[in-house]
Every structure is written in structure tokens, then in C-alpha cells.
PDB file of N, CA and C in Angstrom:
ATOM      1  N   MET A   1      16.284  99.386  57.027  1.00  0.00           N
ATOM      2  CA  MET A   1      15.886 100.201  55.633  1.00  0.00           C
ATOM      3  C   MET A   1      15.928 101.436  55.838  1.00  0.00           C
ATOM      4  N   LYS A   2      16.301 101.473  54.383  1.00  0.00           N
ATOM      5  CA  LYS A   2      16.304 103.105  54.479  1.00  0.00           C
ATOM      6  C   LYS A   2      15.089 104.221  55.068  1.00  0.00           C
ATOM      7  N   SER A   3      15.621 105.211  55.302  1.00  0.00           N
ATOM      8  CA  SER A   3      14.213 106.350  55.893  1.00  0.00           C
ATOM      9  C   SER A   3      13.395 107.017  54.151  1.00  0.00           C
ATOM     10  N   GLU A   4      13.921 106.616  53.088  1.00  0.00           N
ATOM     11  CA  GLU A   4      13.395 107.336  52.413  1.00  0.00           C
ATOM     12  C   GLU A   4      12.160 105.809  51.523  1.00  0.00           C
ATOM     13  N   THR A   5      11.997 105.500  52.074  1.00  0.00           N
ATOM     14  CA  THR A   5      11.202 104.072  51.609  1.00  0.00           C
ATOM     15  C   THR A   5      10.622 103.402  52.791  1.00  0.00           C
ATOM     16  N   LEU A   6      10.758 104.334  53.826  1.00  0.00           N
ATOM     17  CA  LEU A   6       8.962 104.214  55.197  1.00  0.00           C
ATOM     18  C   LEU A   6       7.921 104.567  54.187  1.00  0.00           C
ATOM     19  N   ASP A   7       7.301 103.496  55.435  1.00  0.00           N
ATOM     20  CA  ASP A   7       5.470 104.175  54.820  1.00  0.00           C
ATOM     21  C   ASP A   7       5.315 103.608  53.324  1.00  0.00           C
ATOM     22  N   LYS A   8       6.571 103.149  52.791  1.00  0.00           N
ATOM     23  CA  LYS A   8       5.477 103.073  51.008  1.00  0.00           C
ATOM     24  C   LYS A   8       5.863 101.348  50.476  1.00  0.00           C
ATOM     25  N   VAL A   9       4.859 101.133  49.750  1.00  0.00           N
ATOM     26  CA  VAL A   9       4.539  99.749  48.940  1.00  0.00           C
ATOM     27  C   VAL A   9       5.732 100.442  47.604  1.00  0.00           C
ATOM     28  N   ILE A  10       7.095  99.000  47.941  1.00  0.00           N
ATOM     29  CA  ILE A  10       7.471  99.217  46.273  1.00  0.00           C
ATOM     30  C   ILE A  10       7.863  98.121  45.474  1.00  0.00           C
ATOM     31  N   SER A  11       7.616  97.809  44.835  1.00  0.00           N
ATOM     32  CA  SER A  11       7.915  96.309  43.586  1.00  0.00           C
ATOM     33  C   SER A  11       8.379  96.465  43.121  1.00  0.00           C
ATOM     34  N   GLU A  12       9.779  95.774  42.532  1.00  0.00           N
ATOM     35  CA  GLU A  12      10.684  96.806  40.956  1.00  0.00           C
ATOM     36  C   GLU A  12      10.735  94.989  40.569  1.00  0.00           C
ATOM     37  N   ASN A  13      10.314  94.532  40.758  1.00  0.00           N
ATOM     38  CA  ASN A  13      11.377  93.127  40.008  1.00  0.00           C
ATOM     39  C   ASN A  13      10.265  92.331  38.659  1.00  0.00           C
ATOM     40  N   HIS A  14       9.295  93.277  38.444  1.00  0.00           N
ATOM     41  CA  HIS A  14       9.240  92.765  37.403  1.00  0.00           C
ATOM     42  C   HIS A  14       8.578  93.685  35.911  1.00  0.00           C
ATOM     43  N   THR A  15       8.474  93.236  35.188  1.00  0.00           N
ATOM     44  CA  THR A  15       7.725  94.955  33.556  1.00  0.00           C
ATOM     45  C   THR A  15       6.951  96.133  33.933  1.00  0.00           C
ATOM     46  N   ILE A  16       5.660  95.531  34.930  1.00  0.00           N
ATOM     47  CA  ILE A  16       5.000  96.381  35.669  1.00  0.00           C
ATOM     48  C   ILE A  16       5.414  96.855  37.328  1.00  0.00           C
ATOM     49  N   LYS A  17       5.098  97.966  37.388  1.00  0.00           N
ATOM     50  CA  LYS A  17       6.659  98.384  38.799  1.00  0.00           C
ATOM     51  C   LYS A  17       5.366  99.177  39.782  1.00  0.00           C
ATOM     52  N   VAL A  18       5.346  99.066  40.956  1.00  0.00           N
ATOM     53  CA  VAL A  18       3.884  99.843  41.873  1.00  0.00           C
ATOM     54  C   VAL A  18       5.567 100.208  43.174  1.00  0.00           C
ATOM     55  N   LEU A  19       4.700 102.143  42.850  1.00  0.00           N
ATOM     56  CA  LEU A  19       5.263 102.584  43.667  1.00  0.00           C
ATOM     57  C   LEU A  19       4.012 102.947  44.999  1.00  0.00           C
ATOM     58  N   ALA A  20       3.572 102.513  46.213  1.00  0.00           N
ATOM     59  CA  ALA A  20       2.838 103.005  46.716  1.00  0.00           C
ATOM     60  C   ALA A  20       2.504 104.443  47.359  1.00  0.00           C
ATOM     61  N   GLU A  21       2.264 105.473  48.549  1.00  0.00           N
ATOM     62  CA  GLU A  21       2.754 105.636  49.634  1.00  0.00           C
ATOM     63  C   GLU A  21       1.580 106.621  49.716  1.00  0.00           C
ATOM     64  N   ARG A  22       1.542 107.657  50.593  1.00  0.00           N
ATOM     65  CA  ARG A  22      -0.038 108.412  51.252  1.00  0.00           C
ATOM     66  C   ARG A  22      -0.188 109.174  50.007  1.00  0.00           C
ATOM     67  N   ASN A  23       0.868 108.879  49.448  1.00  0.00           N
ATOM     68  CA  ASN A  23       0.333 110.921  47.783  1.00  0.00           C
ATOM     69  C   ASN A  23      -0.185 110.245  46.850  1.00  0.00           C
ATOM     70  N   GLY A  24      -0.459 108.759  46.742  1.00  0.00           N
ATOM     71  CA  GLY A  24      -0.856 108.403  46.257  1.00  0.00           C
ATOM     72  C   GLY A  24      -0.030 106.654  45.137  1.00  0.00           C
ATOM     73  N   LEU A  25      -0.570 106.880  44.395  1.00  0.00           N
ATOM     74  CA  LEU A  25       0.390 104.796  43.706  1.00  0.00           C
ATOM     75  C   LEU A  25       0.368 106.433  42.099  1.00  0.00           C
ATOM     76  N   LEU A  26       1.853 105.038  41.725  1.00  0.00           N
ATOM     77  CA  LEU A  26       2.692 104.868  40.724  1.00  0.00           C
ATOM     78  C   LEU A  26       2.682 103.743  39.946  1.00  0.00           C
ATOM     79  N   LEU A  27       2.154 104.138  38.295  1.00  0.00           N
ATOM     80  CA  LEU A  27       2.739 102.810  38.243  1.00  0.00           C
ATOM     81  C   LEU A  27       3.176 102.480  37.251  1.00  0.00           C
ATOM     82  N   SER A  28       4.841 101.557  36.604  1.00  0.00           N
ATOM     83  CA  SER A  28       5.952 101.557  35.866  1.00  0.00           C
ATOM     84  C   SER A  28       5.471 100.718  35.164  1.00  0.00           C
ATOM     85  N   LEU A  29       4.959 100.675  33.762  1.00  0.00           N
ATOM     86  CA  LEU A  29       5.017  99.586  32.138  1.00  0.00           C
ATOM     87  C   LEU A  29       6.603  99.988  32.613  1.00  0.00           C
ATOM     88  N   THR A  30       7.650  99.331  32.249  1.00  0.00           N
ATOM     89  CA  THR A  30       9.025  99.281  31.767  1.00  0.00           C
ATOM     90  C   THR A  30       8.878  98.194  31.016  1.00  0.00           C
ATOM     91  N   THR A  31      10.357  98.572  29.397  1.00  0.00           N
ATOM     92  CA  THR A  31      10.067  98.275  28.406  1.00  0.00           C
ATOM     93  C   THR A  31      12.408  99.072  28.116  1.00  0.00           C
ATOM     94  N   LYS A  32      12.469  98.233  27.727  1.00  0.00           N
ATOM     95  CA  LYS A  32      14.238  98.577  27.468  1.00  0.00           C
ATOM     96  C   LYS A  32      15.089 100.103  26.820  1.00  0.00           C
ATOM     97  N   THR A  33      14.112 100.706  26.430  1.00  0.00           N
ATOM     98  CA  THR A  33      13.798 102.192  25.690  1.00  0.00           C
ATOM     99  C   THR A  33      13.462 102.946  26.698  1.00  0.00           C
ATOM    100  N   TYR A  34      11.639 102.419  27.032  1.00  0.00           N
ATOM    101  CA  TYR A  34      10.936 103.170  27.256  1.00  0.00           C
ATOM    102  C   TYR A  34      10.410 103.202  28.421  1.00  0.00           C
ATOM    103  N   SER A  35       9.768 104.134  29.954  1.00  0.00           N
ATOM    104  CA  SER A  35       9.673 103.453  30.972  1.00  0.00           C
ATOM    105  C   SER A  35       8.095 104.418  30.583  1.00  0.00           C
ATOM    106  N   TYR A  36       6.745 103.844  31.787  1.00  0.00           N
ATOM    107  CA  TYR A  36       5.632 104.491  31.097  1.00  0.00           C
ATOM    108  C   TYR A  36       4.950 104.698  32.295  1.00  0.00           C
ATOM    109  N   LEU A  37       5.385 105.960  33.111  1.00  0.00           N
ATOM    110  CA  LEU A  37       5.114 105.839  33.875  1.00  0.00           C
ATOM    111  C   LEU A  37       3.128 106.580  33.964  1.00  0.00           C
ATOM    112  N   VAL A  38       1.897 106.312  34.865  1.00  0.00           N
ATOM    113  CA  VAL A  38       0.729 106.073  35.452  1.00  0.00           C
ATOM    114  C   VAL A  38       0.945 106.527  36.827  1.00  0.00           C
ATOM    115  N   PHE A  39       0.375 107.960  36.294  1.00  0.00           N
ATOM    116  CA  PHE A  39       0.318 108.147  38.151  1.00  0.00           C
ATOM    117  C   PHE A  39      -1.577 108.935  38.459  1.00  0.00           C
ATOM    118  N   LEU A  40      -1.276 108.318  39.362  1.00  0.00           N
ATOM    119  CA  LEU A  40      -2.492 108.803  41.099  1.00  0.00           C
ATOM    120  C   LEU A  40      -2.875 108.234  41.665  1.00  0.00           C
ATOM    121  N   SER A  41      -2.426 110.196  42.308  1.00  0.00           N
ATOM    122  CA  SER A  41      -1.857 110.962  43.226  1.00  0.00           C
ATOM    123  C   SER A  41      -2.360 112.706  43.127  1.00  0.00           C
ATOM    124  N   LYS A  42      -2.374 111.870  44.257  1.00  0.00           N
ATOM    125  CA  LYS A  42      -2.728 114.519  44.469  1.00  0.00           C
ATOM    126  C   LYS A  42      -2.084 115.531  43.800  1.00  0.00           C
ATOM    127  N   PRO A  43      -1.184 115.735  43.072  1.00  0.00           N
ATOM    128  CA  PRO A  43      -0.105 116.311  42.554  1.00  0.00           C
ATOM    129  C   PRO A  43      -0.573 116.077  41.072  1.00  0.00           C
ATOM    130  N   PHE A  44      -0.334 114.885  40.596  1.00  0.00           N
ATOM    131  CA  PHE A  44      -0.753 114.618  39.189  1.00  0.00           C
ATOM    132  C   PHE A  44      -1.503 113.242  38.767  1.00  0.00           C
ATOM    133  N   VAL A  45      -3.030 112.885  37.857  1.00  0.00           N
ATOM    134  CA  VAL A  45      -3.428 112.669  37.412  1.00  0.00           C
ATOM    135  C   VAL A  45      -3.010 112.158  36.477  1.00  0.00           C
ATOM    136  N   GLY A  46      -1.973 111.476  35.659  1.00  0.00           N
ATOM    137  CA  GLY A  46      -2.122 111.515  34.394  1.00  0.00           C
ATOM    138  C   GLY A  46      -1.723 110.292  33.845  1.00  0.00           C
ATOM    139  N   VAL A  47      -0.264 110.286  32.017  1.00  0.00           N
ATOM    140  CA  VAL A  47       1.109 109.238  32.031  1.00  0.00           C
ATOM    141  C   VAL A  47       1.447 110.806  31.889  1.00  0.00           C
ATOM    142  N   ARG A  48       2.775 109.404  32.056  1.00  0.00           N
ATOM    143  CA  ARG A  48       4.267 110.455  31.322  1.00  0.00           C
ATOM    144  C   ARG A  48       5.533 109.313  31.294  1.00  0.00           C
ATOM    145  N   ARG A  49       5.725 109.007  29.818  1.00  0.00           N
ATOM    146  CA  ARG A  49       7.153 108.597  28.894  1.00  0.00           C
ATOM    147  C   ARG A  49       8.431 109.461  28.921  1.00  0.00           C
ATOM    148  N   ILE A  50       9.438 108.473  29.484  1.00  0.00           N
ATOM    149  CA  ILE A  50      10.735 108.717  30.776  1.00  0.00           C
ATOM    150  C   ILE A  50      11.801 107.296  30.140  1.00  0.00           C
ATOM    151  N   VAL A  51      12.429 107.866  29.739  1.00  0.00           N
ATOM    152  CA  VAL A  51      13.719 106.988  29.258  1.00  0.00           C
ATOM    153  C   VAL A  51      14.064 105.586  30.612  1.00  0.00           C
ATOM    154  N   THR A  52      14.297 105.201  30.013  1.00  0.00           N
ATOM    155  CA  THR A  52      14.236 103.688  31.381  1.00  0.00           C
ATOM    156  C   THR A  52      15.934 103.985  32.275  1.00  0.00           C
ATOM    157  N   LYS A  53      17.351 104.185  31.591  1.00  0.00           N
ATOM    158  CA  LYS A  53      18.081 104.146  31.937  1.00  0.00           C
ATOM    159  C   LYS A  53      18.639 105.585  33.047  1.00  0.00           C
ATOM    160  N   ASP A  54      16.951 106.629  32.652  1.00  0.00           N
ATOM    161  CA  ASP A  54      17.506 107.543  33.642  1.00  0.00           C
ATOM    162  C   ASP A  54      16.689 106.594  35.223  1.00  0.00           C
ATOM    163  N   ARG A  55      16.406 106.391  35.193  1.00  0.00           N
ATOM    164  CA  ARG A  55      16.502 105.932  35.923  1.00  0.00           C
ATOM    165  C   ARG A  55      15.603 106.487  37.947  1.00  0.00           C
ATOM    166  N   ILE A  56      14.780 108.081  37.155  1.00  0.00           N
ATOM    167  CA  ILE A  56      14.408 108.919  37.411  1.00  0.00           C
ATOM    168  C   ILE A  56      13.516 109.074  39.182  1.00  0.00           C
ATOM    169  N   VAL A  57      12.680 107.237  38.747  1.00  0.00           N
ATOM    170  CA  VAL A  57      12.249 106.812  40.478  1.00  0.00           C
ATOM    171  C   VAL A  57      13.058 107.394  41.163  1.00  0.00           C
ATOM    172  N   ALA A  58      13.923 105.870  40.963  1.00  0.00           N
ATOM    173  CA  ALA A  58      15.075 105.853  41.980  1.00  0.00           C
ATOM    174  C   ALA A  58      15.786 107.404  42.697  1.00  0.00           C
ATOM    175  N   LYS A  59      16.006 108.197  42.038  1.00  0.00           N
ATOM    176  CA  LYS A  59      17.088 108.885  41.762  1.00  0.00           C
ATOM    177  C   LYS A  59      15.890 109.807  42.823  1.00  0.00           C
ATOM    178  N   ALA A  60      15.004 109.630  42.848  1.00  0.00           N
ATOM    179  CA  ALA A  60      13.737 110.657  42.714  1.00  0.00           C
ATOM    180  C   ALA A  60      13.823 110.278  44.612  1.00  0.00           C
ATOM    181  N   GLY A  61      14.431 109.927  45.286  1.00  0.00           N
ATOM    182  CA  GLY A  61      14.240 108.654  46.881  1.00  0.00           C
ATOM    183  C   GLY A  61      12.746 108.147  46.802  1.00  0.00           C
ATOM    184  N   TYR A  62      12.419 107.432  45.391  1.00  0.00           N
ATOM    185  CA  TYR A  62      10.698 106.737  45.849  1.00  0.00           C
ATOM    186  C   TYR A  62       9.642 107.898  45.772  1.00  0.00           C
ATOM    187  N   ASP A  63       9.646 109.438  45.408  1.00  0.00           N
ATOM    188  CA  ASP A  63       8.329 110.088  46.127  1.00  0.00           C
ATOM    189  C   ASP A  63       8.163 110.148  44.719  1.00  0.00           C
ATOM    190  N   ILE A  64       6.467 111.095  44.848  1.00  0.00           N
ATOM    191  CA  ILE A  64       5.696 110.742  43.555  1.00  0.00           C
ATOM    192  C   ILE A  64       6.052 111.728  43.356  1.00  0.00           C
ATOM    193  N   GLN A  65       5.761 113.317  44.164  1.00  0.00           N
ATOM    194  CA  GLN A  65       5.906 114.927  43.699  1.00  0.00           C
ATOM    195  C   GLN A  65       7.019 114.584  43.248  1.00  0.00           C
ATOM    196  N   ARG A  66       8.539 114.107  43.927  1.00  0.00           N
ATOM    197  CA  ARG A  66      10.168 114.036  43.723  1.00  0.00           C
ATOM    198  C   ARG A  66      10.665 114.156  42.398  1.00  0.00           C
ATOM    199  N   THR A  67       9.792 112.866  41.980  1.00  0.00           N
ATOM    200  CA  THR A  67       9.876 112.464  40.418  1.00  0.00           C
ATOM    201  C   THR A  67       8.794 113.219  40.171  1.00  0.00           C
ATOM    202  N   LEU A  68       8.020 113.510  40.116  1.00  0.00           N
ATOM    203  CA  LEU A  68       7.181 114.395  38.836  1.00  0.00           C
ATOM    204  C   LEU A  68       7.899 115.685  39.028  1.00  0.00           C
ATOM    205  N   LYS A  69       8.643 116.371  39.698  1.00  0.00           N
ATOM    206  CA  LYS A  69       9.134 117.872  39.748  1.00  0.00           C
ATOM    207  C   LYS A  69      10.651 117.572  39.271  1.00  0.00           C
ATOM    208  N   LEU A  70      10.910 115.995  39.359  1.00  0.00           N
ATOM    209  CA  LEU A  70      12.818 115.400  38.315  1.00  0.00           C
ATOM    210  C   LEU A  70      12.072 114.989  36.725  1.00  0.00           C
ATOM    211  N   ILE A  71      11.612 114.303  36.338  1.00  0.00           N
ATOM    212  CA  ILE A  71      11.728 114.751  35.161  1.00  0.00           C
ATOM    213  C   ILE A  71      11.093 116.534  33.750  1.00  0.00           C
ATOM    214  N   GLU A  72      10.519 117.009  34.673  1.00  0.00           N
ATOM    215  CA  GLU A  72       9.718 118.245  34.996  1.00  0.00           C
ATOM    216  C   GLU A  72      11.163 119.232  34.833  1.00  0.00           C
ATOM    217  N   LYS A  73      12.630 119.046  35.744  1.00  0.00           N
ATOM    218  CA  LYS A  73      13.377 119.283  34.800  1.00  0.00           C
ATOM    219  C   LYS A  73      13.874 118.748  34.546  1.00  0.00           C
ATOM    220  N   ILE A  74      14.653 117.125  33.437  1.00  0.00           N
ATOM    221  CA  ILE A  74      14.784 117.096  32.516  1.00  0.00           C
ATOM    222  C   ILE A  74      14.498 116.546  31.992  1.00  0.00           C
ATOM    223  N   TYR A  75      13.371 116.891  31.116  1.00  0.00           N
ATOM    224  CA  TYR A  75      12.026 116.389  30.224  1.00  0.00           C
ATOM    225  C   TYR A  75      11.376 117.739  30.338  1.00  0.00           C
ATOM    226  N   GLY A  76      11.867 119.019  30.498  1.00  0.00           N
ATOM    227  CA  GLY A  76      10.268 119.808  30.052  1.00  0.00           C
ATOM    228  C   GLY A  76       9.435 119.405  30.794  1.00  0.00           C
ATOM    229  N   ARG A  77       7.816 120.117  31.152  1.00  0.00           N
ATOM    230  CA  ARG A  77       6.897 120.430  31.877  1.00  0.00           C
ATOM    231  C   ARG A  77       6.184 119.272  31.410  1.00  0.00           C
ATOM    232  N   GLY A  78       5.601 118.855  29.699  1.00  0.00           N
ATOM    233  CA  GLY A  78       4.901 117.980  29.700  1.00  0.00           C
ATOM    234  C   GLY A  78       5.630 115.940  29.757  1.00  0.00           C
ATOM    235  N   GLY A  79       7.141 115.896  29.413  1.00  0.00           N
ATOM    236  CA  GLY A  79       7.549 115.304  29.334  1.00  0.00           C
ATOM    237  C   GLY A  79       8.160 114.728  27.856  1.00  0.00           C
ATOM    238  N   LEU A  80       8.974 114.342  28.149  1.00  0.00           N
ATOM    239  CA  LEU A  80       8.807 113.861  26.273  1.00  0.00           C
ATOM    240  C   LEU A  80       7.647 113.322  25.577  1.00  0.00           C
TER     241      LEU A  80
END
């Protein structure tokens, strides 16, 4: 198992995806075009919309804080 996914619960097999880690919970509703990310975490509580094909959560190593930083870097402070 990769070290970046240790101590995390990851479910990516359906339209609704879940990432649970010590910093919080990330729920994703994924369509062909967009993913709607619901953050319930220490650094952020709210919703962000991203382009599905960008695979931002995977690129951020399934880490909520890195995911938020990558969204901000790619889409700007408010996201899409």
C-alpha cells in the first residue's frame, strides 16, 4: 500500500466518492464533466467544483489540505 494512502479510507468505485482522513472528510459527486467536492475538514468546510478529468484529488496524493491548495493553484481562490 502506498504511504500516501495509509490511515485513510478511500472509495472511488461509484459516482459518489469518499475520502476520510484525520483532517476530515471529502465527498465527491462525479459527472463526466465536473466533480463537486464537499469538504468537511479542519482547513475548510464548503463546496468546490472542478473539472473531472483534472484528477486533482489523486494528484494531491489523496490529502485534503493538498487538494485544497491544488484547486486554488489551478482554479484560483474561489474555484470554478
